[in-house]
């Protein structure tokens, strides 16, 4: 999908999880004039994301935003029953997902209302 952007165009960023922290992926993104905001995977190896990326405040912000995007899915797996749904069929699974995310929104709603008030 990133190939749609022409090399030499305005630099963009791409957020991804630590599974994409490989030297080849990071090099490919830099060839496309894309700054890879990939979570560092430094467990038993060196990360392909170096100080060129991590020194900027934008990298830290994108990692915080990525975490906030992932929170509902983690809640859905641990609390909402999406880890191992006992359903067959796309329609039923789609309904389960929608219902679970709606429940997450309802649980989060009082905190959002309190923040506004």
N, C-alpha and C. Protein backbone atom coordinates (compact mmCIF):
# COMPACT_ATOMS: atom_id res chain seq x y z
N UNK A 1 0.82 -1.20 0.00
CA UNK A 1 0.00 0.00 0.00
C UNK A 1 0.86 1.25 0.00
N UNK A 2 2.03 1.14 0.59
CA UNK A 2 2.88 2.33 0.68
C UNK A 2 3.46 2.67 -0.70
N UNK A 3 3.43 1.72 -1.63
CA UNK A 3 3.99 1.96 -2.97
C UNK A 3 3.18 2.98 -3.75
N UNK A 4 1.95 3.29 -3.31
CA UNK A 4 1.15 4.30 -3.99
C UNK A 4 1.78 5.68 -3.90
N UNK A 5 2.55 5.91 -2.86
CA UNK A 5 3.20 7.21 -2.68
C UNK A 5 4.51 7.21 -3.47
N UNK A 6 4.71 8.21 -4.27
CA UNK A 6 5.90 8.24 -5.11
C UNK A 6 7.12 8.65 -4.30
N UNK A 7 8.27 7.99 -4.55
CA UNK A 7 9.50 8.40 -3.87
C UNK A 7 9.83 9.84 -4.19
N UNK A 8 10.29 10.56 -3.22
CA UNK A 8 10.62 11.96 -3.40
C UNK A 8 9.50 12.90 -3.03
N UNK A 9 8.31 12.33 -2.80
CA UNK A 9 7.19 13.15 -2.36
C UNK A 9 7.42 13.57 -0.91
N UNK A 10 6.47 14.30 -0.37
CA UNK A 10 6.57 14.73 1.02
C UNK A 10 6.76 13.51 1.93
N UNK A 11 7.68 13.64 2.89
CA UNK A 11 7.97 12.53 3.80
C UNK A 11 6.76 12.27 4.69
N UNK A 12 6.42 10.99 4.82
CA UNK A 12 5.32 10.58 5.69
C UNK A 12 5.85 9.60 6.73
N UNK A 13 5.04 9.30 7.72
CA UNK A 13 5.42 8.32 8.74
C UNK A 13 4.50 7.12 8.64
N UNK A 14 5.00 5.98 9.10
CA UNK A 14 4.23 4.75 9.09
C UNK A 14 4.40 4.08 10.44
N UNK A 15 3.31 3.90 11.15
CA UNK A 15 3.36 3.22 12.44
C UNK A 15 3.10 1.74 12.28
N UNK A 16 3.83 0.93 13.04
CA UNK A 16 3.66 -0.52 12.97
C UNK A 16 4.13 -1.15 14.27
N UNK A 17 3.74 -2.41 14.49
CA UNK A 17 4.16 -3.08 15.72
C UNK A 17 5.57 -3.64 15.56
N UNK A 18 6.06 -4.26 16.62
CA UNK A 18 7.46 -4.67 16.63
C UNK A 18 7.75 -5.86 15.71
N UNK A 19 6.75 -6.47 15.16
CA UNK A 19 6.98 -7.51 14.16
C UNK A 19 7.60 -6.97 12.88
N UNK A 20 7.46 -5.68 12.65
CA UNK A 20 8.01 -5.04 11.46
C UNK A 20 9.39 -4.43 11.72
N UNK A 21 9.96 -4.67 12.88
CA UNK A 21 11.27 -4.14 13.22
C UNK A 21 12.36 -5.03 12.62
N UNK A 22 12.46 -5.00 11.30
CA UNK A 22 13.50 -5.75 10.59
C UNK A 22 14.29 -4.78 9.74
N UNK A 23 15.55 -5.11 9.51
CA UNK A 23 16.42 -4.22 8.74
C UNK A 23 15.90 -4.03 7.32
N UNK A 24 15.39 -5.09 6.69
CA UNK A 24 14.92 -4.98 5.31
C UNK A 24 13.67 -4.09 5.22
N UNK A 25 12.73 -4.24 6.16
CA UNK A 25 11.53 -3.42 6.14
C UNK A 25 11.87 -1.95 6.36
N UNK A 26 12.71 -1.66 7.34
CA UNK A 26 13.10 -0.28 7.63
C UNK A 26 13.83 0.33 6.43
N UNK A 27 14.72 -0.44 5.79
CA UNK A 27 15.44 0.07 4.62
C UNK A 27 14.47 0.34 3.47
N UNK A 28 13.52 -0.57 3.26
CA UNK A 28 12.54 -0.36 2.19
C UNK A 28 11.72 0.90 2.44
N UNK A 29 11.31 1.13 3.68
CA UNK A 29 10.52 2.31 3.99
C UNK A 29 11.34 3.59 3.75
N UNK A 30 12.59 3.56 4.11
CA UNK A 30 13.44 4.74 3.89
C UNK A 30 13.64 4.99 2.40
N UNK A 31 13.69 3.91 1.60
CA UNK A 31 13.78 4.08 0.14
C UNK A 31 12.54 4.75 -0.42
N UNK A 32 11.38 4.49 0.21
CA UNK A 32 10.13 5.11 -0.21
C UNK A 32 9.93 6.50 0.39
N UNK A 33 10.94 7.02 1.09
CA UNK A 33 10.87 8.33 1.75
C UNK A 33 9.81 8.33 2.86
N UNK A 34 9.74 7.21 3.59
CA UNK A 34 8.80 7.03 4.69
C UNK A 34 9.60 6.84 5.97
N UNK A 35 9.23 7.57 7.01
CA UNK A 35 9.88 7.38 8.31
C UNK A 35 9.14 6.27 9.05
N UNK A 36 9.80 5.15 9.32
CA UNK A 36 9.12 4.03 9.99
C UNK A 36 9.03 4.26 11.50
N UNK A 37 7.83 4.48 12.00
CA UNK A 37 7.61 4.59 13.44
C UNK A 37 7.19 3.22 13.95
N UNK A 38 8.14 2.31 13.93
CA UNK A 38 7.93 0.92 14.32
C UNK A 38 8.35 0.76 15.77
N UNK A 39 7.57 0.00 16.53
CA UNK A 39 7.95 -0.28 17.91
C UNK A 39 9.25 -1.09 17.90
N UNK A 40 10.16 -0.74 18.79
CA UNK A 40 11.45 -1.40 18.83
C UNK A 40 11.33 -2.80 19.43
N UNK A 41 11.97 -3.77 18.77
CA UNK A 41 12.03 -5.13 19.26
C UNK A 41 13.49 -5.41 19.62
N UNK A 42 13.86 -5.13 20.84
CA UNK A 42 15.25 -5.27 21.27
C UNK A 42 15.45 -6.49 22.16
N UNK A 43 14.54 -7.45 22.10
CA UNK A 43 14.67 -8.66 22.90
C UNK A 43 15.64 -9.61 22.20
N UNK A 44 16.80 -9.83 22.79
CA UNK A 44 17.84 -10.73 22.28
C UNK A 44 18.41 -10.32 20.93
N UNK A 45 18.26 -9.05 20.53
CA UNK A 45 18.85 -8.59 19.28
C UNK A 45 18.85 -7.07 19.25
N UNK A 46 19.53 -6.51 18.24
CA UNK A 46 19.52 -5.07 18.04
C UNK A 46 18.31 -4.67 17.22
N UNK A 47 17.74 -3.56 17.57
CA UNK A 47 16.59 -3.05 16.83
C UNK A 47 17.05 -2.40 15.54
N UNK A 48 16.24 -2.52 14.49
CA UNK A 48 16.55 -1.87 13.22
C UNK A 48 16.20 -0.38 13.26
N UNK A 49 15.41 0.03 14.25
CA UNK A 49 15.07 1.44 14.42
C UNK A 49 16.17 2.09 15.25
N UNK A 50 16.84 3.04 14.66
CA UNK A 50 17.97 3.67 15.34
C UNK A 50 17.61 5.07 15.83
N UNK A 51 18.61 5.79 16.31
CA UNK A 51 18.40 7.12 16.89
C UNK A 51 17.90 8.14 15.86
N UNK A 52 18.08 7.89 14.57
CA UNK A 52 17.56 8.82 13.56
C UNK A 52 16.05 9.00 13.74
N UNK A 53 15.40 7.92 14.15
CA UNK A 53 13.94 7.95 14.30
C UNK A 53 13.54 8.23 15.74
N UNK A 54 14.16 7.55 16.69
CA UNK A 54 13.70 7.62 18.08
C UNK A 54 14.03 8.94 18.77
N UNK A 55 14.94 9.73 18.23
CA UNK A 55 15.31 10.98 18.91
C UNK A 55 14.24 12.06 18.77
N UNK A 56 13.35 11.92 17.82
CA UNK A 56 12.32 12.93 17.59
C UNK A 56 11.13 12.71 18.51
N UNK A 57 10.53 13.82 18.94
CA UNK A 57 9.37 13.71 19.82
C UNK A 57 8.18 13.08 19.10
N UNK A 58 8.13 13.17 17.78
CA UNK A 58 7.05 12.58 17.01
C UNK A 58 7.01 11.06 17.14
N UNK A 59 8.18 10.44 17.29
CA UNK A 59 8.24 8.98 17.45
C UNK A 59 7.57 8.58 18.76
N UNK A 60 7.88 9.28 19.82
CA UNK A 60 7.28 8.97 21.12
C UNK A 60 5.76 9.18 21.08
N UNK A 61 5.34 10.24 20.44
CA UNK A 61 3.90 10.52 20.34
C UNK A 61 3.20 9.43 19.54
N UNK A 62 3.82 9.00 18.42
CA UNK A 62 3.17 7.97 17.60
C UNK A 62 3.09 6.64 18.35
N UNK A 63 4.06 6.34 19.20
CA UNK A 63 4.00 5.10 19.98
C UNK A 63 2.89 5.18 21.03
N UNK A 64 2.68 6.37 21.61
CA UNK A 64 1.58 6.53 22.56
C UNK A 64 0.23 6.41 21.86
N UNK A 65 0.11 6.99 20.68
CA UNK A 65 -1.14 6.91 19.92
C UNK A 65 -1.41 5.47 19.48
N UNK A 66 -0.36 4.76 19.08
CA UNK A 66 -0.52 3.37 18.66
C UNK A 66 -1.04 2.52 19.81
N UNK A 67 -0.54 2.78 21.01
CA UNK A 67 -1.01 2.05 22.18
C UNK A 67 -2.49 2.32 22.44
N UNK A 68 -2.91 3.56 22.27
CA UNK A 68 -4.31 3.91 22.49
C UNK A 68 -5.22 3.26 21.46
N UNK A 69 -4.73 3.08 20.24
CA UNK A 69 -5.52 2.41 19.21
C UNK A 69 -5.66 0.92 19.53
N UNK A 70 -4.62 0.33 20.10
CA UNK A 70 -4.63 -1.11 20.39
C UNK A 70 -5.43 -1.46 21.64
N UNK A 71 -5.67 -0.52 22.54
CA UNK A 71 -6.35 -0.81 23.80
C UNK A 71 -7.72 -1.46 23.63
N UNK A 72 -8.60 -0.95 22.76
CA UNK A 72 -9.91 -1.61 22.63
C UNK A 72 -9.82 -3.05 22.15
N UNK A 73 -8.87 -3.33 21.27
CA UNK A 73 -8.73 -4.70 20.77
C UNK A 73 -8.22 -5.63 21.86
N UNK A 74 -7.30 -5.15 22.69
CA UNK A 74 -6.84 -5.94 23.83
C UNK A 74 -7.96 -6.20 24.81
N UNK A 75 -8.78 -5.18 25.07
CA UNK A 75 -9.93 -5.35 25.96
C UNK A 75 -10.91 -6.35 25.37
N UNK A 76 -11.12 -6.26 24.06
CA UNK A 76 -12.04 -7.17 23.41
C UNK A 76 -11.58 -8.62 23.50
N UNK A 77 -10.27 -8.83 23.45
CA UNK A 77 -9.75 -10.20 23.55
C UNK A 77 -9.80 -10.72 24.98
N UNK A 78 -9.43 -9.89 25.96
CA UNK A 78 -9.35 -10.39 27.34
C UNK A 78 -10.71 -10.39 28.03
N UNK A 79 -11.48 -9.34 27.87
CA UNK A 79 -12.75 -9.20 28.59
C UNK A 79 -13.94 -9.55 27.69
N UNK A 80 -13.90 -9.09 26.45
CA UNK A 80 -15.05 -9.21 25.57
C UNK A 80 -15.25 -10.55 24.89
N UNK A 81 -14.34 -11.48 25.08
CA UNK A 81 -14.52 -12.81 24.51
C UNK A 81 -14.15 -12.94 23.05
N UNK A 82 -13.34 -12.04 22.53
CA UNK A 82 -12.95 -12.14 21.12
C UNK A 82 -11.71 -13.00 20.89
N UNK A 83 -11.06 -13.43 21.96
CA UNK A 83 -9.85 -14.24 21.79
C UNK A 83 -10.19 -15.58 21.14
N UNK A 84 -11.25 -16.22 21.63
CA UNK A 84 -11.69 -17.49 21.07
C UNK A 84 -13.20 -17.50 20.94
N UNK A 85 -13.73 -16.78 19.97
CA UNK A 85 -15.20 -16.72 19.84
C UNK A 85 -15.77 -18.07 19.42
N UNK A 86 -16.85 -18.42 20.04
CA UNK A 86 -17.50 -19.70 19.75
C UNK A 86 -18.63 -19.49 18.75
N UNK A 87 -18.30 -18.92 17.61
CA UNK A 87 -19.30 -18.61 16.60
C UNK A 87 -18.82 -19.11 15.24
N UNK A 88 -19.77 -19.38 14.38
CA UNK A 88 -19.43 -19.75 13.01
C UNK A 88 -20.13 -18.79 12.07
N UNK A 89 -19.40 -18.36 11.09
CA UNK A 89 -19.98 -17.47 10.09
C UNK A 89 -19.54 -16.03 10.27
N UNK A 90 -19.39 -15.37 9.16
CA UNK A 90 -18.91 -13.99 9.16
C UNK A 90 -19.94 -13.06 9.80
N UNK A 91 -21.22 -13.26 9.52
CA UNK A 91 -22.24 -12.37 10.07
C UNK A 91 -22.28 -12.44 11.60
N UNK A 92 -22.20 -13.65 12.15
CA UNK A 92 -22.25 -13.79 13.60
C UNK A 92 -21.01 -13.20 14.25
N UNK A 93 -19.86 -13.45 13.64
CA UNK A 93 -18.62 -12.91 14.19
C UNK A 93 -18.58 -11.39 14.07
N UNK A 94 -19.10 -10.86 12.98
CA UNK A 94 -19.19 -9.41 12.81
C UNK A 94 -20.09 -8.80 13.88
N UNK A 95 -21.21 -9.45 14.16
CA UNK A 95 -22.11 -8.96 15.21
C UNK A 95 -21.43 -9.00 16.57
N UNK A 96 -20.71 -10.09 16.87
CA UNK A 96 -20.00 -10.21 18.15
C UNK A 96 -18.96 -9.10 18.29
N UNK A 97 -18.22 -8.84 17.23
CA UNK A 97 -17.21 -7.78 17.26
C UNK A 97 -17.85 -6.42 17.50
N UNK A 98 -18.92 -6.13 16.76
CA UNK A 98 -19.61 -4.85 16.91
C UNK A 98 -20.18 -4.68 18.31
N UNK A 99 -20.79 -5.72 18.83
CA UNK A 99 -21.35 -5.68 20.17
C UNK A 99 -20.26 -5.48 21.23
N UNK A 100 -19.13 -6.16 21.07
CA UNK A 100 -18.02 -6.03 22.01
C UNK A 100 -17.44 -4.62 21.99
N UNK A 101 -17.26 -4.04 20.81
CA UNK A 101 -16.71 -2.69 20.72
C UNK A 101 -17.71 -1.66 21.25
N UNK A 102 -19.00 -1.91 21.05
CA UNK A 102 -20.02 -1.01 21.61
C UNK A 102 -19.99 -1.07 23.13
N UNK A 103 -19.81 -2.26 23.69
CA UNK A 103 -19.70 -2.40 25.14
C UNK A 103 -18.47 -1.66 25.66
N UNK A 104 -17.37 -1.74 24.94
CA UNK A 104 -16.16 -1.02 25.34
C UNK A 104 -16.43 0.49 25.34
N UNK A 105 -17.13 0.97 24.32
CA UNK A 105 -17.47 2.40 24.26
C UNK A 105 -18.34 2.81 25.44
N UNK A 106 -19.31 1.97 25.80
CA UNK A 106 -20.18 2.29 26.93
C UNK A 106 -19.42 2.31 28.25
N UNK A 107 -18.45 1.42 28.38
CA UNK A 107 -17.64 1.38 29.60
C UNK A 107 -16.75 2.63 29.68
N UNK A 108 -16.28 3.08 28.55
CA UNK A 108 -15.39 4.24 28.50
C UNK A 108 -16.15 5.56 28.61
N UNK A 109 -17.43 5.55 28.30
CA UNK A 109 -18.24 6.77 28.24
C UNK A 109 -18.24 7.60 29.52
N UNK A 110 -18.42 7.03 30.72
CA UNK A 110 -18.41 7.87 31.93
C UNK A 110 -17.11 8.65 32.13
N UNK A 111 -15.97 8.03 31.78
CA UNK A 111 -14.70 8.74 31.91
C UNK A 111 -14.62 9.90 30.92
N UNK A 112 -15.16 9.71 29.72
CA UNK A 112 -15.15 10.78 28.73
C UNK A 112 -16.05 11.93 29.15
N UNK A 113 -17.22 11.60 29.71
CA UNK A 113 -18.15 12.64 30.17
C UNK A 113 -17.54 13.41 31.34
N UNK A 114 -16.87 12.70 32.25
CA UNK A 114 -16.25 13.35 33.40
C UNK A 114 -15.12 14.27 32.96
N UNK A 115 -14.41 13.90 31.90
CA UNK A 115 -13.30 14.73 31.42
C UNK A 115 -13.81 16.02 30.81
N UNK A 116 -14.98 15.99 30.19
CA UNK A 116 -15.54 17.18 29.57
C UNK A 116 -16.13 18.11 30.61
N UNK A 117 -16.75 17.55 31.64
CA UNK A 117 -17.43 18.36 32.67
C UNK A 117 -16.48 19.07 33.56
